[in-house]
Amino acid sequence: MIVHYLRFDSQKRQMVAVSLQPQGNLRPSGSAQPHLSLLAVSVQEGNSRALIMDNSRNQTFILKEGEKIALYELIQITTNKATLSNGQEEMVLSLTE
């Protein structure tokens, strides 16, 4: 599946089209938790977002730090990673090029 979306390029000061094909998937071993993929990130001070797909429900979510998907809270967004936690374990979703 290819995901198409628009993002604001602050250097060009305009919206630009982006197409991504997810490369990395994560499913906690021995767990019935959802199968999550990180599709894209937008890192801006105080306004970072992660585009995460729940493959088990075929749904896509745009989340900021502190929001939840399934039983996991998004605790950190970096340039190519999103870290989620369910209070007992952390899960790191990564973008690969």
Protein backbone atom coordinates (compact mmCIF):
# COMPACT_ATOMS: atom_id res chain seq x y z
CA MET A 1 0.00 0.00 0.00
CA ILE A 2 1.27 3.47 -0.87
CA VAL A 3 0.22 6.42 1.28
CA HIS A 4 -0.15 9.84 -0.34
CA TYR A 5 -0.42 13.02 1.69
CA LEU A 6 0.45 16.72 1.69
CA ARG A 7 2.86 18.38 4.09
CA PHE A 8 3.98 21.96 4.53
CA ASP A 9 7.60 22.54 3.53
CA SER A 10 8.74 25.48 5.68
CA GLN A 11 11.80 26.15 3.49
CA LYS A 12 9.76 26.37 0.28
CA ARG A 13 6.80 27.89 2.18
CA GLN A 14 4.30 25.72 0.33
CA MET A 15 2.51 22.40 0.49
CA VAL A 16 4.33 19.50 -1.15
CA ALA A 17 3.00 16.08 -2.12
CA VAL A 18 4.62 13.07 -0.48
CA SER A 19 4.18 9.39 -1.35
CA LEU A 20 5.43 6.70 1.00
CA GLN A 21 5.41 2.95 0.97
CA PRO A 22 5.71 1.52 4.49
CA GLN A 23 8.81 -0.61 5.02
CA GLY A 24 8.88 -1.49 8.71
CA ASN A 25 6.25 -3.32 10.71
CA LEU A 26 6.19 -4.21 14.37
CA ARG A 27 4.17 -6.73 16.29
CA PRO A 28 5.13 -7.52 19.87
CA SER A 29 6.20 -11.16 20.02
CA GLY A 30 3.79 -13.51 21.77
CA SER A 31 1.16 -10.80 21.95
CA ALA A 32 -2.29 -10.21 20.52
CA GLN A 33 -1.57 -6.49 20.22
CA PRO A 34 -2.21 -4.76 16.90
CA HIS A 35 0.27 -4.92 14.07
CA LEU A 36 1.52 -1.32 13.74
CA SER A 37 3.53 0.41 11.00
CA LEU A 38 5.08 3.86 11.03
CA LEU A 39 4.28 5.48 7.69
CA ALA A 40 5.53 9.06 8.16
CA VAL A 41 6.61 11.61 10.74
CA SER A 42 6.50 15.39 10.89
CA VAL A 43 8.87 16.76 13.52
CA GLN A 44 8.27 20.35 14.60
CA GLU A 45 8.96 21.75 18.05
CA GLY A 46 5.76 21.39 20.04
CA ASN A 47 3.73 20.13 17.08
CA SER A 48 5.19 16.77 15.97
CA ARG A 49 2.93 14.14 14.42
CA ALA A 50 3.28 10.48 13.43
CA LEU A 51 1.23 8.69 10.77
CA ILE A 52 0.72 5.16 12.13
CA MET A 53 -1.19 2.31 10.52
CA ASP A 54 -2.93 -0.38 12.54
CA ASN A 55 -2.72 -3.21 9.99
CA SER A 56 -4.91 -5.52 12.06
CA ARG A 57 -7.85 -3.09 11.66
CA ASN A 58 -6.70 -1.52 8.36
CA GLN A 59 -6.89 1.99 9.87
CA THR A 60 -4.47 4.91 9.75
CA PHE A 61 -4.04 7.45 12.55
CA ILE A 62 -2.29 10.82 12.77
CA LEU A 63 -1.10 11.08 16.37
CA LYS A 64 0.82 13.60 18.45
CA GLU A 65 2.80 12.79 21.59
CA GLY A 66 0.50 11.77 24.45
CA GLU A 67 -2.25 10.32 22.22
CA LYS A 68 -3.11 6.61 22.16
CA ILE A 69 -3.52 3.90 19.55
CA ALA A 70 -4.93 0.61 20.85
CA LEU A 71 -3.35 0.12 24.29
CA TYR A 72 -0.23 2.14 23.48
CA GLU A 73 0.52 5.81 24.16
CA LEU A 74 2.79 7.67 21.76
CA ILE A 75 5.53 8.96 24.05
CA GLN A 76 8.18 10.27 21.63
CA ILE A 77 8.52 11.27 17.98
CA THR A 78 11.93 11.75 16.36
CA THR A 79 13.05 12.24 12.76
CA ASN A 80 12.58 8.58 11.79
CA LYS A 81 11.09 6.87 14.86
CA ALA A 82 8.01 6.81 17.05
CA THR A 83 8.16 5.30 20.54
CA LEU A 84 5.00 3.89 22.12
CA SER A 85 4.42 2.51 25.62
CA ASN A 86 1.67 0.50 27.28
CA GLY A 87 3.04 1.18 30.77
CA GLN A 88 4.91 -2.13 30.92
CA GLU A 89 6.90 -2.21 27.70
CA GLU A 90 8.01 0.18 25.00
CA MET A 91 7.66 -0.36 21.29
CA VAL A 92 9.74 1.54 18.71
CA LEU A 93 8.40 1.93 15.18
CA SER A 94 10.97 3.03 12.59
CA LEU A 95 10.93 4.43 9.09
CA THR A 96 13.25 2.77 6.60
CA GLU A 97 14.18 4.23 3.25
